Amino acid sequence: MTSDLIARRAALLGPNVPTFYDEPLHIVRGEGVWLWDAEGRRYLDCYNNVAHVGHCHPHVVEAIARQAAQLNTHTRYLHEGILDYGERLVAKFGHDLRQILMVCTGSEANDVALRMAQAVTGKRGFIATDNTYHGNTTAVAQLSTRRPPIGGWPDHIRRVPAPDSLAPLGGSMSAQPQAFAEGVACAIAELEATGHGFAGLMLCPIFANEGTPGIAPGFLDPTVEVVRRAGGLILCDEVQPGFGRIGSHWWGHEFLGIAPDVVTLGKPMGNGHPVAAVVARPDVMAAFRNAFGYFNTFGGNPVSCAAANAVLDVIEDEDLVENARDVGGHLLEMLRSISHPMIADVRGFGLFLGLECARDGRPEPDFAARVVELSKSRGILIGRVGRAQHILKIRPPMPFARAHAGILAQALGEAIDEASRDF
């Protein structure tokens, strides 16, 4: 059956449509932190942040069904749903981030954030790291480094060297914050010299796709000073760290101790329902609204708002931020007890953890890939991240419990030991 599905995908969807794992999984059901395949095998989901409060959470499912049975339409009619949700959401923010624009995907949210920075500054140049991903619209894809755009990288985009654990900027972890800021300052100077000017810096506040290399409170302070001095905006992509995943705070920028101008939200917001948002200061929102005639048919529709509102209910009622802090800390200790020459570092924030695979200071992506496959064979789903795809990525749904952490740690240790026989 798997081979038939793969053939049908290729015939209908075309080439290069990615799937996880050497032999893709045919997943048919989810509940909480578990997924089941078509043969009835159960997998512990240690990867998916889309189902933020757990796969098919009954409260979220019921909220979606109830609202879909009553009304779903666009936001050019008045409706309480977007207002009720928006008021709850912005109450979670500081720094005068108190207005929202709702969309359907994180890509759309990041696209809007770029336009907000252009509207405020009147300039069009942007900076991101050279090892990041912020979505798949034309504008945000130009920030990402997965594939070069047709015709080459545009001149109004600069990608600065990303933080790195194996080869830290500036030659040491202590020098890395200042070295990163110097890279941003150099990029700003280039944008100004070419006439594009500097509109903003977009980043994930925990540098998730970069592998969270040595990030701690204060890391971005020198960079913030550089950006502010140049008159640009700080655009925080909270799709991965947001909604309490890091355990210590609701948002990654809170953990770092910075005040962004714009925050973007995505996947976890609706627990699988396609809803996303941009949160901004009123002056930033006004500049955007006055500069662009923007309307999103499905953004903020009643069903999306019902889903997102239900997600907030579950996070609060089930104390999932506190759970991320407790279970994440417990899991980090367990993973650090795995001693192996190929594991160069183990780090994490709440329920976002990574094990860096390297030997003699060099990334080991093949070893990491083998561990991912062997973990799957043991009923554990994890992924990879990092410049060389050499960091094991663990990012489970938020109801992940200490018992699940024990299952993961044991299976992962076994997979690492087995993988080492081939290396």
Protein backbone atom coordinates (compact mmCIF):
# COMPACT_ATOMS: atom_id res chain seq x y z
CA MET A 1 0.00 0.00 0.00
CA THR A 2 2.85 2.40 0.81
CA SER A 3 4.40 1.95 -2.63
CA ASP A 4 1.00 2.57 -4.26
CA LEU A 5 0.57 5.83 -2.33
CA ILE A 6 4.07 6.96 -3.27
CA ALA A 7 3.36 6.24 -6.95
CA ARG A 8 0.04 8.10 -6.81
CA ARG A 9 1.74 11.10 -5.14
CA ALA A 10 4.43 11.23 -7.80
CA ALA A 11 1.88 11.00 -10.62
CA LEU A 12 -0.44 13.63 -9.16
CA LEU A 13 1.80 16.02 -7.19
CA GLY A 14 4.94 15.93 -9.32
CA PRO A 15 8.61 15.57 -8.33
CA ASN A 16 10.41 16.74 -5.20
CA VAL A 17 7.39 16.61 -2.88
CA PRO A 18 9.15 15.79 0.39
CA THR A 19 8.21 13.14 2.91
CA PHE A 20 9.88 12.15 6.17
CA TYR A 21 11.95 8.96 6.45
CA ASP A 22 13.47 6.58 3.92
CA GLU A 23 10.21 4.64 3.94
CA PRO A 24 7.45 7.23 4.39
CA LEU A 25 4.84 6.72 7.06
CA HIS A 26 1.16 6.33 6.20
CA ILE A 27 -0.37 8.04 9.22
CA VAL A 28 -4.12 7.57 9.68
CA ARG A 29 -4.90 8.68 13.24
CA GLY A 30 -3.60 10.88 16.04
CA GLU A 31 -4.44 11.38 19.69
CA GLY A 32 -2.49 13.45 22.20
CA VAL A 33 1.22 12.75 21.70
CA TRP A 34 0.61 9.57 19.68
CA LEU A 35 0.21 8.81 15.97
CA TRP A 36 -0.92 5.54 14.34
CA ASP A 37 -0.05 4.25 10.89
CA ALA A 38 -2.25 2.25 8.52
CA GLU A 39 -0.95 -1.04 9.96
CA GLY A 40 -1.98 -0.01 13.46
CA ARG A 41 1.50 0.69 14.79
CA ARG A 42 1.71 3.46 17.36
CA TYR A 43 4.43 6.16 17.29
CA LEU A 44 5.41 8.62 20.00
CA ASP A 45 5.36 12.01 18.28
CA CYS A 46 8.45 13.89 19.40
CA TYR A 47 8.52 16.27 16.45
CA ASN A 48 5.26 17.93 15.46
CA ASN A 49 4.53 21.42 16.78
CA VAL A 50 1.45 21.78 14.57
CA ALA A 51 -0.62 19.78 17.06
CA HIS A 52 0.55 22.13 19.79
CA VAL A 53 -1.91 20.99 22.47
CA GLY A 54 -1.98 17.39 21.25
CA HIS A 55 -3.35 15.66 18.18
CA CYS A 56 -7.14 15.93 17.82
CA HIS A 57 -7.63 17.59 21.20
CA PRO A 58 -11.38 17.17 21.88
CA HIS A 59 -11.88 20.75 23.08
CA VAL A 60 -10.38 22.17 19.88
CA VAL A 61 -12.22 19.69 17.66
CA GLU A 62 -15.53 20.53 19.32
CA ALA A 63 -14.95 24.28 18.99
CA ILE A 64 -14.21 23.95 15.26
CA ALA A 65 -17.25 21.73 14.64
CA ARG A 66 -19.61 23.95 16.63
CA GLN A 67 -18.58 27.13 14.83
CA ALA A 68 -18.52 25.46 11.39
CA ALA A 69 -22.11 24.35 11.97
CA GLN A 70 -23.16 27.94 12.75
CA LEU A 71 -21.22 30.35 10.52
CA ASN A 72 -18.01 30.70 8.56
CA THR A 73 -17.35 33.71 6.37
CA HIS A 74 -14.82 36.46 5.79
CA THR A 75 -14.07 39.40 8.07
CA ARG A 76 -15.86 42.15 6.16
CA TYR A 77 -18.86 41.39 8.32
CA LEU A 78 -18.77 42.17 12.01
CA HIS A 79 -18.21 39.16 14.24
CA GLU A 80 -17.22 38.78 17.88
CA GLY A 81 -14.90 35.83 17.27
CA ILE A 82 -11.89 37.74 16.00
CA LEU A 83 -12.30 40.36 18.71
CA ASP A 84 -12.68 37.90 21.56
CA TYR A 85 -9.64 35.97 20.42
CA GLY A 86 -7.55 39.01 19.59
CA GLU A 87 -8.12 40.59 23.00
CA ARG A 88 -7.02 37.38 24.72
CA LEU A 89 -3.98 37.03 22.48
CA VAL A 90 -2.57 40.55 22.78
CA ALA A 91 -2.96 40.34 26.56
CA LYS A 92 -0.09 37.82 26.40
CA PHE A 93 2.27 40.47 24.97
CA GLY A 94 4.10 43.52 26.27
CA HIS A 95 6.02 46.28 24.48
CA ASP A 96 2.78 47.87 23.22
CA LEU A 97 2.19 44.91 20.87
CA ARG A 98 -1.58 45.23 21.01
CA GLN A 99 -3.00 45.06 17.49
CA ILE A 100 -3.38 41.99 15.28
CA LEU A 101 -3.79 41.04 11.67
CA MET A 102 -4.95 37.47 11.13
CA VAL A 103 -3.93 35.34 8.15
CA CYS A 104 -3.87 31.62 7.34
CA THR A 105 -0.19 30.62 7.43
CA GLY A 106 3.09 31.63 8.99
CA SER A 107 4.42 32.39 5.50
CA GLU A 108 1.67 34.95 5.01
CA ALA A 109 2.33 36.41 8.44
CA ASN A 110 6.03 36.87 7.69
CA ASP A 111 5.22 38.35 4.29
CA VAL A 112 3.00 40.95 5.98
CA ALA A 113 5.70 41.66 8.58
CA LEU A 114 8.16 42.54 5.82
CA ARG A 115 5.66 44.96 4.32
CA MET A 116 5.07 46.51 7.73
CA ALA A 117 8.78 47.26 8.02
CA GLN A 118 8.79 48.78 4.53
CA ALA A 119 5.78 50.95 5.41
CA VAL A 120 7.36 52.25 8.60
CA THR A 121 10.82 52.93 7.21
CA GLY A 122 10.13 53.70 3.56
CA LYS A 123 13.01 51.34 2.74
CA ARG A 124 13.11 47.84 1.29
CA GLY A 125 16.28 46.08 2.48
CA PHE A 126 16.06 43.09 4.82
CA ILE A 127 18.46 40.93 6.78
CA ALA A 128 18.14 37.30 7.90
CA THR A 129 20.67 34.63 8.82
CA ASP A 130 22.36 32.45 6.23
CA ASN A 131 20.81 29.31 7.72
CA THR A 132 17.13 30.04 8.22
CA TYR A 133 13.62 29.50 6.92
CA HIS A 134 10.69 31.90 7.21
CA GLY A 135 8.16 30.57 4.71
CA ASN A 136 7.37 30.11 1.04
CA THR A 137 5.89 33.29 -0.40
CA THR A 138 8.16 34.96 -2.93
CA ALA A 139 9.20 37.65 -0.46
CA VAL A 140 10.03 35.44 2.52
CA ALA A 141 11.54 32.67 0.40
CA GLN A 142 14.19 35.22 -0.56
CA LEU A 143 15.26 35.27 3.09
CA SER A 144 15.61 31.51 3.26
CA THR A 145 18.61 29.53 2.16
CA ARG A 146 17.17 26.22 1.01
CA ARG A 147 17.25 26.99 -2.71
CA PRO A 148 18.41 30.11 -4.57
CA PRO A 149 15.66 32.09 -6.32
CA ILE A 150 15.45 31.97 -10.12
CA GLY A 151 17.91 34.59 -11.33
CA GLY A 152 19.89 34.54 -8.10
CA TRP A 153 19.55 36.18 -4.71
CA PRO A 154 17.98 39.67 -4.89
CA ASP A 155 20.18 42.63 -4.07
CA HIS A 156 17.87 44.00 -1.37
CA ILE A 157 18.35 40.93 0.84
CA ARG A 158 21.40 40.22 2.99
CA ARG A 159 22.04 36.95 4.81
CA VAL A 160 24.42 37.29 7.73
CA PRO A 161 26.45 34.45 9.26
CA ALA A 162 24.25 32.51 11.67
CA PRO A 163 25.30 31.61 15.20
CA ASP A 164 27.00 28.23 15.33
CA SER A 165 28.06 25.91 18.14
CA LEU A 166 30.80 23.99 16.36
CA ALA A 167 32.34 27.07 14.73
CA PRO A 168 31.11 30.04 16.80
CA LEU A 169 31.22 33.48 15.29
CA GLY A 170 34.15 35.47 16.60
CA GLY A 171 35.99 32.28 17.53
CA SER A 172 34.24 31.55 20.84
CA MET A 173 30.79 31.28 22.35
CA SER A 174 31.43 34.34 24.49
CA ALA A 175 32.41 36.39 21.42
CA GLN A 176 29.45 35.21 19.33
CA PRO A 177 26.81 37.81 20.37
CA GLN A 178 29.05 40.73 19.41
CA ALA A 179 30.26 39.00 16.26
CA PHE A 180 26.69 38.40 15.14
CA ALA A 181 25.88 42.08 15.73
CA GLU A 182 28.91 43.07 13.66
CA GLY A 183 27.64 40.93 10.80
CA VAL A 184 24.27 42.70 10.98
CA ALA A 185 25.99 46.12 11.05
CA CYS A 186 28.01 45.22 7.95
CA ALA A 187 24.87 44.09 6.12
CA ILE A 188 23.07 47.31 7.05
CA ALA A 189 25.94 49.36 5.65
CA GLU A 190 25.81 47.39 2.40
CA LEU A 191 22.05 47.90 2.04
CA GLU A 192 22.37 51.61 2.62
CA ALA A 193 25.28 51.88 0.19
CA THR A 194 23.33 50.14 -2.58
CA GLY A 195 20.37 52.48 -2.15
CA HIS A 196 17.91 49.92 -0.84
CA GLY A 197 18.16 51.12 2.73
CA PHE A 198 17.51 49.00 5.80
CA ALA A 199 13.91 48.13 6.70
CA GLY A 200 14.27 45.28 9.17
CA LEU A 201 15.88 42.19 10.61
CA MET A 202 13.78 39.01 10.64
CA LEU A 203 14.76 36.18 12.93
CA CYS A 204 13.48 33.38 15.13
CA PRO A 205 14.34 34.50 18.65
CA ILE A 206 15.76 31.09 19.59
CA PHE A 207 17.34 30.53 16.15
CA ALA A 208 15.40 27.28 15.81
CA ASN A 209 16.36 26.37 12.24
CA GLU A 210 19.95 27.28 13.00
CA GLY A 211 19.90 24.69 15.80
CA THR A 212 19.57 27.00 18.86
CA PRO A 213 23.37 27.43 19.05
CA GLY A 214 24.39 28.97 22.38
CA ILE A 215 21.40 31.27 22.67
CA ALA A 216 20.78 32.83 26.09
CA PRO A 217 19.16 35.98 27.52
CA GLY A 218 21.13 39.00 26.35
CA PHE A 219 22.45 37.27 23.24
CA LEU A 220 20.76 39.76 20.91
CA ASP A 221 21.39 42.91 22.95
CA PRO A 222 24.31 44.11 20.77
CA THR A 223 22.29 43.35 17.63
CA VAL A 224 19.24 45.23 18.90
CA GLU A 225 21.41 48.27 19.51
CA VAL A 226 22.73 48.10 15.94
CA VAL A 227 19.24 47.74 14.44
CA ARG A 228 17.78 50.56 16.52
CA ARG A 229 20.64 52.89 15.66
CA ALA A 230 20.00 52.24 11.96
CA GLY A 231 16.25 52.89 12.25
CA GLY A 232 15.18 49.38 11.25
CA LEU A 233 12.51 47.12 12.73
CA ILE A 234 12.97 43.85 14.60
CA LEU A 235 10.63 41.18 13.24
CA CYS A 236 10.34 38.10 15.47
CA ASP A 237 9.13 34.87 13.91
CA GLU A 238 7.59 33.04 16.89
CA VAL A 239 6.16 30.13 14.88
CA GLN A 240 8.43 27.61 16.63
CA PRO A 241 9.16 29.05 20.11
CA GLY A 242 5.78 30.71 20.68
CA PHE A 243 2.74 29.76 22.77
CA GLY A 244 4.84 28.57 25.69
CA ARG A 245 6.98 25.93 24.02
CA ILE A 246 10.19 27.17 25.62
CA GLY A 247 8.67 26.67 29.07
CA SER A 248 10.13 29.72 30.80
CA HIS A 249 8.03 32.24 28.84
CA TRP A 250 5.11 32.44 26.42
CA TRP A 251 7.36 33.90 23.72
CA GLY A 252 10.96 33.52 22.64
CA HIS A 253 11.57 37.25 22.60
CA GLU A 254 10.56 37.41 26.27
CA PHE A 255 13.19 34.80 27.04
CA LEU A 256 15.85 36.80 25.20
CA GLY A 257 14.75 40.04 26.82
CA ILE A 258 14.16 42.03 23.64
CA ALA A 259 11.29 44.23 22.47
CA PRO A 260 10.30 43.40 18.88
CA ASP A 261 8.33 45.75 16.66
CA VAL A 262 6.40 42.93 15.00
CA VAL A 263 5.75 39.31 16.03
CA THR A 264 4.51 36.60 13.69
CA LEU A 265 2.64 33.46 14.72
CA GLY A 266 1.70 30.33 12.81
CA LYS A 267 1.35 26.55 13.00
CA PRO A 268 0.71 25.96 16.74
CA MET A 269 -1.93 28.69 16.89
CA GLY A 270 -4.83 26.53 15.67
CA ASN A 271 -3.58 23.04 16.59
CA GLY A 272 -3.66 21.96 12.96
CA HIS A 273 -6.32 24.36 11.72
CA PRO A 274 -4.71 26.83 9.24
CA VAL A 275 -4.59 30.08 11.18
CA ALA A 276 -1.76 32.56 11.78
CA ALA A 277 -1.32 36.16 12.84
CA VAL A 278 0.83 39.27 12.96
CA VAL A 279 0.99 41.20 16.23
CA ALA A 280 2.31 44.76 16.10
CA ARG A 281 2.34 48.13 17.79
CA PRO A 282 -0.47 50.49 16.73
CA ASP A 283 1.92 52.85 14.93
CA VAL A 284 3.35 49.96 12.91
CA MET A 285 -0.11 48.62 12.06
CA ALA A 286 -1.32 52.07 11.01
CA ALA A 287 1.67 52.58 8.72
CA PHE A 288 0.99 49.23 7.06
CA ARG A 289 -2.76 49.75 6.72
CA ASN A 290 -2.24 53.17 5.17
CA ALA A 291 0.45 52.00 2.77
CA PHE A 292 -1.06 48.70 1.56
CA GLY A 293 -4.58 47.75 0.56
CA TYR A 294 -4.49 44.40 2.32
CA PHE A 295 -7.36 41.95 2.71
CA ASN A 296 -7.25 38.23 3.49
CA THR A 297 -10.46 36.34 2.72
CA PHE A 298 -9.97 33.54 5.23
CA GLY A 299 -7.73 35.31 7.74
CA GLY A 300 -9.63 35.69 11.01
CA ASN A 301 -12.72 33.79 9.86
CA PRO A 302 -15.05 32.59 12.65
CA VAL A 303 -13.93 28.94 12.53
CA SER A 304 -10.23 29.85 12.63
CA CYS A 305 -10.83 32.15 15.59
CA ALA A 306 -12.81 29.44 17.39
CA ALA A 307 -9.92 27.00 16.89
CA ALA A 308 -7.32 29.50 18.08
CA ASN A 309 -9.42 30.51 21.07
CA ALA A 310 -9.82 26.86 22.07
CA VAL A 311 -6.05 26.40 21.88
CA LEU A 312 -5.57 29.20 24.40
CA ASP A 313 -8.17 27.52 26.63
CA VAL A 314 -6.22 24.27 26.62
CA ILE A 315 -2.80 25.88 27.18
CA GLU A 316 -4.16 27.72 30.20
CA ASP A 317 -6.48 25.02 31.62
CA GLU A 318 -3.91 22.25 31.34
CA ASP A 319 -0.92 24.38 32.48
CA LEU A 320 1.00 23.46 29.35
CA VAL A 321 3.60 26.23 29.65
CA GLU A 322 4.51 24.95 33.11
CA ASN A 323 4.47 21.42 31.74
CA ALA A 324 6.94 22.41 29.03
CA ARG A 325 9.26 23.83 31.67
CA ASP A 326 9.00 20.80 33.96
CA VAL A 327 9.06 17.98 31.41
CA GLY A 328 11.51 19.80 29.16
CA GLY A 329 13.97 20.24 32.00
CA HIS A 330 13.55 16.61 33.03
CA LEU A 331 14.04 15.41 29.45
CA LEU A 332 17.13 17.59 29.00
CA GLU A 333 18.74 15.95 32.03
CA MET A 334 17.91 12.50 30.68
CA LEU A 335 19.31 13.26 27.24
CA ARG A 336 22.49 14.71 28.73
CA SER A 337 23.05 11.37 30.43
CA ILE A 338 23.47 9.78 26.99
CA SER A 339 27.23 9.65 26.60
CA HIS A 340 28.50 8.99 23.10
CA PRO A 341 31.48 10.28 21.09
CA MET A 342 29.18 11.41 18.26
CA ILE A 343 27.05 13.62 20.53
CA ALA A 344 28.90 16.92 20.76
CA ASP A 345 26.21 18.85 22.63
CA VAL A 346 22.74 18.49 24.10
CA ARG A 347 20.71 21.66 24.62
CA GLY A 348 17.14 22.82 24.84
CA PHE A 349 14.48 25.28 25.89
CA GLY A 350 11.39 23.68 27.39
CA LEU A 351 9.99 21.22 24.85
CA PHE A 352 12.39 22.23 22.10
CA LEU A 353 15.59 20.19 22.34
CA GLY A 354 18.50 19.23 20.14
CA LEU A 355 21.41 16.80 20.13
CA GLU A 356 24.29 17.94 17.94
CA CYS A 357 26.00 15.11 16.10
CA ALA A 358 29.65 15.80 15.32
CA ARG A 359 33.09 14.21 15.37
CA ASP A 360 36.34 16.12 15.79
CA GLY A 361 34.41 19.39 15.45
CA ARG A 362 32.82 18.41 12.13
CA PRO A 363 29.07 17.87 11.61
CA GLU A 364 27.89 14.28 11.15
CA PRO A 365 24.65 14.53 9.16
CA ASP A 366 24.75 10.89 8.01
CA PHE A 367 24.95 9.71 11.62
CA ALA A 368 22.06 12.00 12.56
CA ALA A 369 20.00 10.70 9.65
CA ARG A 370 20.67 7.11 10.72
CA VAL A 371 19.56 7.86 14.29
CA VAL A 372 16.32 9.38 13.01
CA GLU A 373 15.57 6.23 11.00
CA LEU A 374 16.45 3.89 13.86
CA SER A 375 14.31 5.93 16.24
CA LYS A 376 11.38 5.57 13.87
CA SER A 377 11.87 1.80 13.83
CA ARG A 378 11.50 1.94 17.62
CA GLY A 379 8.26 3.91 17.39
CA ILE A 380 9.79 7.35 18.05
CA LEU A 381 9.41 10.25 15.59
CA ILE A 382 12.10 12.93 15.62
CA GLY A 383 13.68 15.13 12.94
CA ARG A 384 16.86 16.96 11.96
CA VAL A 385 17.87 20.60 11.79
CA GLY A 386 21.02 22.72 11.44
CA ARG A 387 23.20 23.91 8.59
CA ALA A 388 24.33 20.37 7.79
CA GLN A 389 21.13 18.73 9.05
CA HIS A 390 23.27 17.20 11.77
CA ILE A 391 21.26 18.16 14.87
CA LEU A 392 18.58 15.80 16.14
CA LYS A 393 15.44 17.88 16.63
CA ILE A 394 12.96 17.08 19.39
CA ARG A 395 9.79 19.23 19.47
CA PRO A 396 6.81 17.21 20.72
CA PRO A 397 3.23 18.34 21.36
CA MET A 398 2.93 20.29 24.60
CA PRO A 399 1.09 17.59 26.66
CA PHE A 400 4.30 15.51 26.51
CA ALA A 401 4.73 14.00 29.98
CA ARG A 402 7.61 12.66 32.05
CA ALA A 403 6.60 9.10 31.16
CA HIS A 404 6.88 9.96 27.47
CA ALA A 405 10.28 11.53 28.12
CA GLY A 406 11.46 8.24 29.58
CA ILE A 407 10.28 6.30 26.54
CA LEU A 408 12.02 8.75 24.23
CA ALA A 409 15.31 8.82 26.13
CA GLN A 410 15.59 5.03 26.26
CA ALA A 411 14.75 4.52 22.58
CA LEU A 412 17.01 7.36 21.47
CA GLY A 413 19.93 6.00 23.47
CA GLU A 414 19.44 2.60 21.85
CA ALA A 415 19.22 4.16 18.38
CA ILE A 416 22.43 6.13 18.94
CA ASP A 417 24.26 3.01 20.09
CA GLU A 418 23.03 1.02 17.08
CA ALA A 419 23.89 3.79 14.64
CA SER A 420 27.45 3.97 15.97
CA ARG A 421 28.11 0.44 14.67
CA ASP A 422 27.99 1.84 11.11
CA PHE A 423 30.28 4.80 11.79
